Each structure stands twice: as C-alpha cells, then as structure tokens.
N, C-alpha and C. Protein backbone atom coordinates (compact mmCIF):
# COMPACT_ATOMS: atom_id res chain seq x y z
N UNK A 1 102.40 213.84 -44.59
CA UNK A 1 103.94 212.81 -44.24
C UNK A 1 103.16 211.68 -43.84
N UNK A 2 103.33 210.50 -44.72
CA UNK A 2 102.87 209.24 -44.98
C UNK A 2 102.53 209.08 -43.39
N UNK A 3 101.59 208.19 -43.35
CA UNK A 3 101.03 207.43 -41.99
C UNK A 3 102.34 206.70 -41.25
N UNK A 4 102.99 205.66 -41.68
CA UNK A 4 104.11 205.20 -41.12
C UNK A 4 105.05 206.05 -40.69
N UNK A 5 105.33 207.42 -40.96
CA UNK A 5 106.09 208.27 -40.43
C UNK A 5 105.54 209.22 -39.35
N UNK A 6 104.27 208.86 -39.24
CA UNK A 6 103.91 210.34 -38.43
C UNK A 6 103.78 209.39 -36.80
N UNK A 7 104.64 210.60 -35.72
CA UNK A 7 104.68 209.76 -34.24
C UNK A 7 103.38 209.75 -33.58
N UNK A 8 102.46 208.76 -33.93
CA UNK A 8 101.19 208.60 -33.25
C UNK A 8 101.27 208.35 -32.03
N UNK A 9 102.21 207.37 -31.23
CA UNK A 9 102.49 207.11 -30.32
C UNK A 9 103.35 207.78 -29.42
N UNK A 10 104.04 208.54 -29.90
CA UNK A 10 104.59 209.56 -28.78
C UNK A 10 103.52 211.02 -28.36
N UNK A 11 102.84 211.22 -29.62
CA UNK A 11 101.95 212.30 -29.32
C UNK A 11 100.75 212.05 -28.75
N UNK A 12 100.09 210.41 -28.91
CA UNK A 12 99.41 210.29 -27.73
C UNK A 12 99.86 210.10 -26.42
N UNK A 13 100.96 209.96 -26.32
CA UNK A 13 101.20 209.65 -24.96
C UNK A 13 101.37 211.48 -24.19
N UNK A 14 101.73 212.02 -25.10
CA UNK A 14 101.53 213.69 -24.63
C UNK A 14 100.28 214.13 -24.42
N UNK A 15 99.47 213.75 -25.25
CA UNK A 15 98.29 214.25 -24.96
C UNK A 15 97.56 213.49 -23.89
N UNK A 16 97.95 212.05 -23.85
CA UNK A 16 97.43 211.31 -22.43
C UNK A 16 97.71 211.82 -21.30
N UNK A 17 98.98 212.22 -21.08
CA UNK A 17 99.92 213.03 -20.31
C UNK A 17 98.96 214.51 -19.55
N UNK A 18 98.12 215.19 -20.90
CA UNK A 18 97.99 216.37 -20.15
C UNK A 18 96.73 216.61 -20.17
N UNK A 19 96.20 214.91 -20.18
CA UNK A 19 94.91 215.08 -19.84
C UNK A 19 93.82 214.67 -20.72
N UNK A 20 94.45 214.89 -22.36
CA UNK A 20 93.30 214.98 -23.74
C UNK A 20 92.69 213.45 -23.62
N UNK A 21 92.32 212.90 -23.00
CA UNK A 21 91.96 211.55 -23.30
C UNK A 21 91.84 211.56 -24.74
N UNK A 22 90.45 211.95 -25.08
CA UNK A 22 89.95 211.62 -26.42
C UNK A 22 91.02 211.99 -27.59
N UNK A 23 91.51 213.05 -27.28
CA UNK A 23 92.67 213.19 -28.78
C UNK A 23 93.87 211.74 -28.68
N UNK A 24 94.19 211.53 -27.41
CA UNK A 24 95.34 210.33 -26.84
C UNK A 24 94.53 209.20 -27.77
N UNK A 25 93.13 208.94 -27.64
CA UNK A 25 92.63 207.59 -27.45
C UNK A 25 92.71 207.78 -29.17
N UNK A 26 92.11 208.96 -30.03
CA UNK A 26 92.10 209.09 -31.99
C UNK A 26 93.26 208.53 -32.03
N UNK A 27 94.58 209.02 -31.42
CA UNK A 27 95.98 209.05 -32.11
C UNK A 27 96.45 207.39 -31.77
N UNK A 28 96.02 206.95 -30.78
CA UNK A 28 96.26 205.44 -30.73
C UNK A 28 95.63 204.60 -31.73
N UNK A 29 94.44 204.85 -32.01
CA UNK A 29 93.99 204.52 -33.05
C UNK A 29 94.37 204.61 -34.23
N UNK A 30 94.84 205.82 -34.65
CA UNK A 30 95.67 205.89 -35.90
C UNK A 30 96.84 205.05 -35.74
N UNK A 31 97.62 204.99 -34.79
CA UNK A 31 98.84 204.33 -34.68
C UNK A 31 98.79 202.89 -35.09
N UNK A 32 97.69 202.24 -34.36
CA UNK A 32 97.15 200.41 -34.27
C UNK A 32 96.89 200.41 -35.99
N UNK A 33 96.25 201.25 -36.55
CA UNK A 33 95.87 201.21 -38.07
C UNK A 33 97.12 201.45 -39.09
N UNK A 34 98.14 202.24 -38.43
CA UNK A 34 99.18 202.66 -39.78
C UNK A 34 100.11 201.31 -39.37
N UNK A 35 100.43 200.78 -37.75
CA UNK A 35 101.67 199.96 -37.47
C UNK A 35 100.98 198.68 -37.27
N UNK A 36 100.47 197.85 -37.99
CA UNK A 36 99.94 196.74 -36.86
C UNK A 36 101.10 195.83 -35.90
N UNK A 37 100.77 195.55 -35.28
CA UNK A 37 101.27 194.81 -34.42
C UNK A 37 102.44 193.92 -34.84
N UNK A 38 102.59 193.30 -36.15
CA UNK A 38 103.38 192.54 -36.27
C UNK A 38 104.62 193.27 -37.47
N UNK A 39 104.21 194.33 -37.65
CA UNK A 39 104.88 195.58 -38.03
C UNK A 39 106.23 196.46 -37.23
N UNK A 40 105.63 196.41 -35.96
CA UNK A 40 106.03 197.42 -35.35
C UNK A 40 107.62 197.39 -34.88
N UNK A 41 108.38 198.20 -34.82
CA UNK A 41 109.87 198.16 -34.24
C UNK A 41 109.60 198.64 -32.70
N UNK A 42 110.76 197.82 -31.87
CA UNK A 42 110.70 197.90 -30.56
C UNK A 42 110.20 198.91 -29.73
N UNK A 43 111.26 200.46 -30.73
CA UNK A 43 110.96 201.91 -29.99
C UNK A 43 109.51 202.30 -30.39
N UNK A 44 108.94 201.86 -31.38
CA UNK A 44 106.85 201.94 -31.41
C UNK A 44 106.61 201.57 -30.32
N UNK A 45 106.61 200.15 -30.45
CA UNK A 45 105.80 199.18 -29.23
C UNK A 45 106.07 200.03 -28.04
N UNK A 46 107.12 200.72 -27.50
CA UNK A 46 107.98 201.12 -26.52
C UNK A 46 107.13 202.20 -25.90
N UNK A 47 106.91 203.20 -26.97
CA UNK A 47 105.93 204.48 -26.73
C UNK A 47 104.55 204.57 -27.10
N UNK A 48 104.38 203.47 -27.60
CA UNK A 48 102.82 202.88 -27.91
C UNK A 48 102.24 202.04 -26.50
N UNK A 49 103.05 201.16 -25.63
CA UNK A 49 102.41 200.85 -24.25
C UNK A 49 102.73 201.90 -23.11
N UNK A 50 103.59 202.57 -23.63
CA UNK A 50 103.60 203.91 -22.65
C UNK A 50 102.42 205.01 -22.82
N UNK A 51 101.98 205.07 -24.21
CA UNK A 51 100.90 205.63 -24.04
C UNK A 51 99.40 205.38 -23.75
N UNK A 52 99.43 203.90 -23.88
CA UNK A 52 98.33 203.14 -23.42
C UNK A 52 98.58 203.11 -22.00
N UNK A 53 99.48 203.03 -20.99
CA UNK A 53 99.33 203.18 -19.30
C UNK A 53 99.30 204.80 -18.80
N UNK A 54 100.07 205.48 -19.91
CA UNK A 54 99.56 207.23 -19.58
C UNK A 54 98.06 207.46 -19.69
N UNK A 55 97.37 206.77 -20.73
CA UNK A 55 96.26 207.02 -20.65
C UNK A 55 95.47 206.42 -20.00
N UNK A 56 95.26 205.29 -19.63
CA UNK A 56 94.94 204.47 -17.93
C UNK A 56 95.19 205.45 -17.15
N UNK A 57 96.16 206.26 -16.59
CA UNK A 57 96.41 207.25 -15.87
C UNK A 57 95.69 207.84 -15.89
N UNK A 58 95.59 208.70 -17.05
CA UNK A 58 94.88 210.12 -16.78
C UNK A 58 93.21 209.59 -17.04
N UNK A 59 92.61 208.50 -16.91
CA UNK A 59 91.24 208.06 -17.19
C UNK A 59 91.46 207.86 -15.76
N UNK A 60 92.43 207.36 -14.58
CA UNK A 60 92.10 206.70 -13.11
C UNK A 60 91.83 205.23 -13.87
N UNK A 61 92.46 204.38 -14.36
CA UNK A 61 92.12 202.86 -14.29
C UNK A 61 93.38 202.65 -14.02
N UNK A 62 93.91 202.30 -12.82
CA UNK A 62 95.54 202.38 -12.25
C UNK A 62 95.52 200.65 -12.87
N UNK A 63 94.60 199.72 -12.59
CA UNK A 63 94.78 198.53 -13.12
C UNK A 63 95.05 198.31 -14.57
N UNK A 64 94.66 199.02 -15.63
CA UNK A 64 94.75 198.96 -16.87
C UNK A 64 96.42 199.49 -17.04
N UNK A 65 96.93 200.29 -15.89
CA UNK A 65 98.03 201.00 -16.50
C UNK A 65 99.05 199.78 -15.84
N UNK A 66 98.89 199.46 -14.65
CA UNK A 66 99.41 198.27 -14.53
C UNK A 66 100.01 197.18 -15.47
N UNK A 67 98.71 196.84 -15.79
CA UNK A 67 99.03 195.85 -17.24
C UNK A 67 100.11 196.57 -17.86
N UNK A 68 99.60 197.69 -18.71
CA UNK A 68 100.31 197.88 -19.91
C UNK A 68 102.22 197.82 -19.42
N UNK A 69 102.19 198.33 -17.80
CA UNK A 69 103.67 198.34 -17.48
C UNK A 69 104.44 196.74 -17.36
N UNK A 70 103.39 195.76 -17.26
CA UNK A 70 103.53 194.78 -17.33
C UNK A 70 104.39 193.89 -18.38
N UNK A 71 103.20 194.39 -19.83
CA UNK A 71 103.15 194.25 -20.81
C UNK A 71 104.91 194.72 -21.31
N UNK A 72 105.13 196.06 -20.93
CA UNK A 72 106.37 196.62 -21.46
C UNK A 72 107.54 196.33 -20.76
N UNK A 73 107.21 195.75 -19.49
CA UNK A 73 108.30 194.91 -18.83
C UNK A 73 109.04 193.91 -19.73
N UNK A 74 107.97 193.39 -19.91
CA UNK A 74 108.28 191.56 -20.87
C UNK A 74 109.05 192.09 -22.11
N UNK A 75 109.23 192.89 -22.56
CA UNK A 75 109.92 193.76 -24.15
C UNK A 75 110.83 193.18 -24.39
N UNK A 76 111.69 192.27 -25.27
CA UNK A 76 113.04 191.58 -25.23
C UNK A 76 113.58 192.56 -25.88
N UNK A 77 113.46 193.59 -26.55
CA UNK A 77 113.94 193.99 -27.54
C UNK A 77 114.46 195.65 -27.06
N UNK A 78 114.28 196.17 -25.66
CA UNK A 78 114.71 197.12 -25.12
C UNK A 78 116.01 197.27 -24.76
N UNK A 79 116.72 198.67 -25.06
CA UNK A 79 118.06 198.65 -24.85
C UNK A 79 118.24 198.90 -23.39
N UNK A 80 119.18 198.57 -22.81
CA UNK A 80 120.03 198.59 -21.32
C UNK A 80 118.48 198.03 -20.64
N UNK A 81 118.18 198.75 -19.91
CA UNK A 81 116.86 198.34 -18.77
C UNK A 81 116.04 199.55 -19.38
N UNK A 82 115.67 200.22 -20.16
CA UNK A 82 114.71 201.16 -20.74
C UNK A 82 113.28 200.76 -20.19
N UNK A 83 112.70 199.44 -21.11
CA UNK A 83 111.69 199.12 -20.37
C UNK A 83 111.10 199.04 -18.87
N UNK A 84 112.30 198.51 -18.40
CA UNK A 84 111.96 198.17 -16.98
C UNK A 84 111.95 199.86 -16.18
N UNK A 85 112.72 200.51 -16.68
CA UNK A 85 112.74 202.02 -16.26
C UNK A 85 111.56 202.75 -16.11
N UNK A 86 110.87 202.38 -17.22
CA UNK A 86 109.43 203.04 -17.82
C UNK A 86 108.35 202.70 -16.93
N UNK A 87 108.57 201.16 -16.67
CA UNK A 87 107.39 200.12 -16.35
C UNK A 87 107.19 200.33 -14.41
N UNK A 88 108.78 201.05 -13.99
CA UNK A 88 108.76 201.02 -12.62
C UNK A 88 107.79 202.10 -12.77
N UNK A 89 108.48 203.29 -13.34
CA UNK A 89 107.58 204.65 -13.07
C UNK A 89 106.18 204.49 -13.37
N UNK A 90 106.13 203.79 -14.46
CA UNK A 90 104.22 203.76 -14.81
C UNK A 90 103.60 202.94 -13.47
N UNK A 91 104.11 202.04 -12.85
CA UNK A 91 103.67 201.24 -11.80
C UNK A 91 103.63 201.93 -10.47
N UNK A 92 104.71 202.45 -10.17
CA UNK A 92 104.71 203.37 -8.80
C UNK A 92 103.45 204.53 -8.95
N UNK A 93 103.10 205.09 -10.35
CA UNK A 93 102.37 206.31 -10.71
C UNK A 93 101.22 205.42 -10.37
N UNK A 94 100.69 204.23 -10.89
CA UNK A 94 99.38 203.55 -11.01
C UNK A 94 98.95 202.86 -9.45
N UNK A 95 100.02 202.52 -9.13
CA UNK A 95 100.10 202.27 -7.59
C UNK A 95 99.44 203.36 -6.74
N UNK A 96 100.24 204.17 -6.64
CA UNK A 96 99.53 205.61 -5.82
C UNK A 96 98.59 205.82 -6.34
N UNK A 97 98.39 205.90 -7.73
CA UNK A 97 96.63 206.17 -7.76
C UNK A 97 96.06 205.24 -7.10
N UNK A 98 96.05 204.07 -6.87
CA UNK A 98 95.20 202.90 -6.74
C UNK A 98 95.34 202.98 -4.92
N UNK A 99 95.96 204.01 -4.47
CA UNK A 99 96.17 204.09 -2.92
C UNK A 99 96.65 202.77 -2.52
N UNK A 100 97.86 202.57 -3.21
CA UNK A 100 98.70 200.87 -3.15
C UNK A 100 100.13 201.81 -2.50
N UNK A 101 100.04 202.35 -1.25
CA UNK A 101 101.20 203.04 -0.71
C UNK A 101 102.68 201.75 -1.04
N UNK A 102 102.30 200.64 0.04
CA UNK A 102 103.58 199.69 -0.26
C UNK A 102 103.98 199.83 -1.38
N UNK A 103 103.04 199.17 -2.58
CA UNK A 103 103.95 198.88 -3.95
C UNK A 103 104.10 200.34 -4.54
N UNK A 104 103.57 201.07 -3.99
CA UNK A 104 103.79 202.67 -5.11
C UNK A 104 105.08 203.06 -4.39
N UNK A 105 105.75 202.96 -3.02
CA UNK A 105 107.21 203.10 -2.44
C UNK A 105 108.04 202.28 -3.26
N UNK A 106 107.85 200.91 -3.36
CA UNK A 106 108.47 199.98 -4.01
C UNK A 106 109.24 200.16 -5.22
N UNK A 107 108.40 200.67 -6.20
CA UNK A 107 108.37 200.98 -7.55
C UNK A 107 108.80 202.28 -7.34
N UNK A 108 108.56 203.65 -6.48
CA UNK A 108 109.00 204.90 -6.94
C UNK A 108 110.83 204.43 -6.73
N UNK A 109 111.12 203.70 -5.57
CA UNK A 109 112.36 203.48 -5.01
C UNK A 109 113.30 202.66 -6.27
N UNK A 110 112.61 201.68 -6.89
CA UNK A 110 113.09 200.83 -7.91
C UNK A 110 113.55 201.80 -9.42
N UNK A 111 112.51 203.04 -9.63
CA UNK A 111 112.78 203.79 -10.22
C UNK A 111 114.00 204.42 -10.05
N UNK A 112 114.13 205.06 -9.23
CA UNK A 112 115.51 205.88 -8.14
C UNK A 112 116.64 205.20 -8.48
N UNK A 113 116.49 204.11 -8.26
CA UNK A 113 117.73 203.12 -8.42
C UNK A 113 118.54 202.61 -9.30
N UNK A 114 117.59 202.59 -10.48
CA UNK A 114 117.90 202.25 -11.81
C UNK A 114 119.19 203.10 -12.26
N UNK A 115 119.68 202.52 -13.03
CA UNK A 115 121.13 203.26 -13.60
C UNK A 115 120.64 204.06 -14.13
N UNK A 116 121.47 205.29 -13.90
CA UNK A 116 120.93 206.73 -14.05
C UNK A 116 121.29 206.96 -15.34
N UNK A 117 122.07 206.71 -16.25
CA UNK A 117 122.34 207.06 -17.59
C UNK A 117 121.27 206.68 -18.18
N UNK A 118 120.15 205.94 -18.41
CA UNK A 118 118.95 205.63 -19.23
C UNK A 118 118.07 206.31 -18.58
N UNK A 119 118.02 206.92 -17.48
CA UNK A 119 116.93 208.03 -17.00
C UNK A 119 117.00 209.54 -17.46
N UNK A 120 117.75 209.96 -18.35
CA UNK A 120 117.83 211.45 -18.44
C UNK A 120 116.86 212.04 -18.67
N UNK A 121 116.36 211.41 -19.55
CA UNK A 121 114.83 212.10 -19.90
C UNK A 121 113.84 212.05 -19.09
N UNK A 122 113.63 211.26 -18.75
CA UNK A 122 112.18 210.84 -17.17
C UNK A 122 112.65 211.75 -16.02
N UNK A 123 114.08 211.66 -15.57
CA UNK A 123 114.54 212.31 -14.82
C UNK A 123 114.03 213.97 -14.64
N UNK A 124 114.84 214.51 -16.17
CA UNK A 124 114.26 216.02 -16.14
C UNK A 124 112.80 216.05 -15.97
N UNK A 125 111.59 215.30 -16.08
CA UNK A 125 110.51 215.52 -15.80
C UNK A 125 109.83 215.21 -13.97
N UNK A 126 110.30 214.15 -14.22
CA UNK A 126 109.74 213.06 -12.95
C UNK A 126 110.82 213.10 -11.49
N UNK A 127 112.04 213.79 -11.86
CA UNK A 127 112.68 213.39 -10.51
C UNK A 127 112.05 214.42 -8.97
N UNK A 128 111.77 215.50 -9.35
CA UNK A 128 111.44 216.32 -8.47
C UNK A 128 110.36 215.89 -7.74
N UNK A 129 109.30 215.85 -8.66
CA UNK A 129 107.72 215.33 -8.47
C UNK A 129 107.70 213.49 -7.69
N UNK A 130 108.61 213.45 -7.74
CA UNK A 130 109.19 212.12 -7.13
C UNK A 130 109.67 212.14 -5.86
N UNK A 131 110.68 213.12 -5.60
CA UNK A 131 111.11 213.04 -4.21
C UNK A 131 110.18 213.70 -3.35
N UNK A 132 109.46 214.91 -3.77
CA UNK A 132 108.22 215.14 -3.24
C UNK A 132 107.29 213.97 -2.98
N UNK A 133 106.75 213.43 -3.81
CA UNK A 133 105.88 212.39 -3.40
C UNK A 133 106.40 211.22 -2.21
N UNK A 134 107.63 210.87 -2.73
CA UNK A 134 107.99 209.89 -1.49
C UNK A 134 107.97 210.73 -0.61
N UNK A 135 108.35 211.92 -0.19
CA UNK A 135 108.11 212.39 1.18
C UNK A 135 106.87 212.55 1.75
N UNK A 136 105.88 212.91 0.98
CA UNK A 136 104.71 212.72 1.69
C UNK A 136 103.92 211.33 1.66
N UNK A 137 104.77 210.23 1.00
CA UNK A 137 104.36 208.80 1.29
C UNK A 137 104.66 208.69 2.78
N UNK A 138 106.10 209.04 3.08
CA UNK A 138 106.71 208.54 3.93
C UNK A 138 106.33 208.95 5.08
N UNK A 139 106.07 210.54 4.73
CA UNK A 139 105.55 210.99 6.32
C UNK A 139 103.70 210.75 6.58
N UNK A 140 103.05 210.21 5.45
CA UNK A 140 101.93 209.41 5.58
C UNK A 140 102.26 208.02 6.36
N UNK A 141 103.08 206.99 6.37
CA UNK A 141 103.82 206.18 7.00
C UNK A 141 104.09 206.45 8.44
N UNK A 142 104.45 207.86 8.89
CA UNK A 142 105.04 208.35 10.10
C UNK A 142 106.54 207.54 10.05
N UNK A 143 107.28 207.87 9.45
CA UNK A 143 108.86 207.73 8.81
C UNK A 143 109.33 208.75 8.57
N UNK A 144 109.65 209.73 9.71
CA UNK A 144 110.58 210.92 9.48
C UNK A 144 111.60 211.11 8.75
N UNK A 145 112.37 210.06 9.25
CA UNK A 145 113.72 210.17 8.68
C UNK A 145 113.51 209.41 7.16
N UNK A 146 112.79 208.75 6.31
CA UNK A 146 112.63 208.74 5.41
C UNK A 146 112.08 210.01 4.69
N UNK A 147 111.40 210.86 5.35
CA UNK A 147 110.50 211.79 4.83
C UNK A 147 111.50 212.95 4.40
N UNK A 148 112.57 212.95 5.83
CA UNK A 148 113.54 214.13 5.85
C UNK A 148 114.87 213.99 4.50
N UNK A 149 114.80 212.51 4.42
CA UNK A 149 115.85 212.48 3.48
C UNK A 149 115.49 212.97 1.99
N UNK A 150 113.71 212.31 1.49
CA UNK A 150 113.50 213.11 0.59
C UNK A 150 113.62 214.64 0.31
N UNK A 151 113.14 215.22 1.52
CA UNK A 151 112.90 216.52 1.59
C UNK A 151 114.18 217.05 1.45
N UNK A 152 115.01 216.48 1.38
CA UNK A 152 116.83 217.14 1.71
C UNK A 152 117.06 216.95 0.03
N UNK A 153 116.58 216.07 -0.85
CA UNK A 153 117.05 215.99 -1.95
C UNK A 153 115.83 216.92 -2.69
N UNK A 154 114.59 217.12 -2.17
CA UNK A 154 113.75 218.64 -2.99
C UNK A 154 114.71 219.55 -2.94
N UNK A 155 115.41 219.85 -1.78
CA UNK A 155 115.85 221.28 -1.57
C UNK A 155 117.29 221.44 -2.81
N UNK A 156 117.96 220.11 -2.44
CA UNK A 156 119.20 220.28 -3.23
C UNK A 156 118.71 220.48 -4.69
N UNK A 157 117.65 219.80 -4.97
CA UNK A 157 117.72 219.69 -6.48
C UNK A 157 116.70 220.91 -7.05
N UNK A 158 115.95 221.34 -6.13
CA UNK A 158 115.48 222.89 -6.56
C UNK A 158 115.82 224.08 -5.96
N UNK A 159 117.17 224.19 -5.06
CA UNK A 159 117.72 225.39 -4.40
C UNK A 159 117.87 226.29 -5.86
N UNK A 160 118.68 226.22 -6.63
CA UNK A 160 118.98 227.04 -7.67
C UNK A 160 118.09 227.17 -9.28
N UNK A 161 116.85 226.58 -8.71
CA UNK A 161 116.16 226.35 -9.99
C UNK A 161 115.12 228.10 -10.19
N UNK A 162 114.42 227.90 -10.90
CA UNK A 162 113.66 228.96 -11.25
C UNK A 162 112.41 229.44 -10.27
N UNK A 163 112.47 230.42 -10.43
CA UNK A 163 111.94 231.38 -9.42
C UNK A 163 110.22 230.23 -8.79
N UNK A 164 109.61 229.93 -10.18
CA UNK A 164 108.51 229.08 -9.83
C UNK A 164 108.47 227.96 -9.17
N UNK A 165 109.75 227.43 -9.14
CA UNK A 165 110.23 226.50 -7.97
C UNK A 165 110.40 226.67 -6.69
N UNK A 166 110.77 227.67 -6.43
CA UNK A 166 110.93 228.24 -4.90
C UNK A 166 110.21 227.82 -4.14
N UNK A 167 108.93 228.30 -3.97
CA UNK A 167 107.88 227.73 -3.03
C UNK A 167 107.89 225.95 -2.86
N UNK A 168 107.90 225.84 -3.79
CA UNK A 168 108.25 224.01 -3.52
C UNK A 168 109.37 223.78 -2.61
N UNK A 169 110.25 224.07 -2.82
CA UNK A 169 111.60 224.06 -1.97
C UNK A 169 111.37 224.99 -0.59
N UNK A 170 110.61 225.79 -0.64
CA UNK A 170 110.58 226.57 0.58
C UNK A 170 109.93 225.70 1.51
N UNK A 171 108.49 225.06 0.92
CA UNK A 171 107.80 224.01 2.00
C UNK A 171 108.49 222.74 2.20
N UNK A 172 109.13 222.67 1.35
CA UNK A 172 110.14 221.23 1.82
C UNK A 172 110.85 221.61 3.06
N UNK A 173 111.47 222.84 2.98
CA UNK A 173 112.46 223.59 4.06
C UNK A 173 111.75 223.80 5.49
N UNK A 174 110.54 224.28 5.44
CA UNK A 174 109.89 223.96 6.00
C UNK A 174 109.32 222.95 6.81
N UNK A 175 109.13 222.02 6.01
CA UNK A 175 108.94 220.63 6.92
C UNK A 175 110.07 219.73 7.09
N UNK A 176 110.84 220.19 6.56
CA UNK A 176 112.08 219.51 7.19
C UNK A 176 112.95 220.36 8.61
N UNK A 177 112.32 221.58 8.77
CA UNK A 177 112.23 222.43 9.86
C UNK A 177 111.66 221.75 10.84
N UNK A 178 110.27 221.41 10.96
CA UNK A 178 108.83 220.71 11.80
C UNK A 178 109.91 219.57 12.34
N UNK A 179 110.67 218.61 11.59
CA UNK A 179 110.62 217.37 11.61
C UNK A 179 111.86 217.62 12.51
N UNK A 180 112.94 218.27 12.31
CA UNK A 180 114.37 218.90 13.23
C UNK A 180 113.58 218.89 14.57
N UNK A 181 112.94 220.03 14.18
CA UNK A 181 111.73 220.40 15.69
C UNK A 181 111.59 219.21 16.79
N UNK A 182 110.80 218.24 16.11
CA UNK A 182 109.87 217.30 16.67
C UNK A 182 111.12 216.28 17.19
N UNK A 183 112.18 216.30 16.62
CA UNK A 183 112.92 215.20 17.36
C UNK A 183 113.67 216.09 18.38
N UNK A 184 113.50 217.41 18.87
CA UNK A 184 114.40 218.10 19.56
C UNK A 184 115.89 218.38 19.16
C-alpha cells in the first residue's frame, strides 16, 4: 500500500487510546512525512489532531490535549459540527485529567447536548463512561440530584447490556438507592 493510502492518523489515534505512546508517535511521524500540512484533506487533518490530542491524554499532558482540541475547533472544513463534538469530548477528558472539574463538567455537558446524529460513533464508545463520570463529578461536588440524573442514564443505557456491564449497572443502582435513602 503506498504511503499516501495508509491510515496513519487513525492508527495513531487507536494506539494512543490504547496507551501505546511509542507506536502512536511513530505513526504520527510517518503521517507527517506522507502528508505534508499543505496536502492534507480535512478528514486526514481531523484524525491527525484527534490522534495528537489522544496521545497527549495518554501521556498525561492535559494542556497539550486542550491545545490540540482548540486547533480542531478552528477547522473550517468539518461537516456539521464534527470538529466541535470531538473537541468538546477531548477538552472534557483533558480538563478532567488536569483536575479542573468545572471545565470538565462544561465540556462533557456540551458534548452530550450536541446534535445526536453526528455523535453516533463516539457515543457507541463514550456515552456510558461519560454518564458514569458525570455522576462521579456531581457526587464529588455534593450535587445528588445531578448525580442521580446521570446514574439513571447509566442504568437505562446498560440494563439490557452484556453481562460484563451489569456490575456497573448494579453499582449505579446501589448508589442511586443510597441517594434516595439520604433524601428520606
């Protein structure tokens, strides 16, 4: 396969998400060599920026991930709001990593309230973990109503899921029961 046909950026994104920073870096270098900035199409650039942000997240570099997400937001050629959706999710995770709870909440909520049709793929992977994380962030802030709202969503999303998801659903039910009991 000729270099210009290889999915370097998508592979780098996957390796970074899996925690293999060295392989992700090598693939990003190969991408940069095969696709000079002036020759990239917007879809290649989108995957490249997401891969760079994902790599920064996997290496614990929250500020670098935020920077990549900001560059992604400024892309003029994204269809619908694809860049904004991806940037919101990346920023949420980066601010969460940095311990900036308020900013993490803003961007997780922004992601969840983006138009649904463009979120089909990221939702398939991120929706459950985002609900769980939001429940945890609201619990840490002492906001049981908001925590309960997201616990309900965890339960609804996972109630008919695979057996491996049921312990998470059960944990959400138990926590929801504790919230209800504390309200009297």
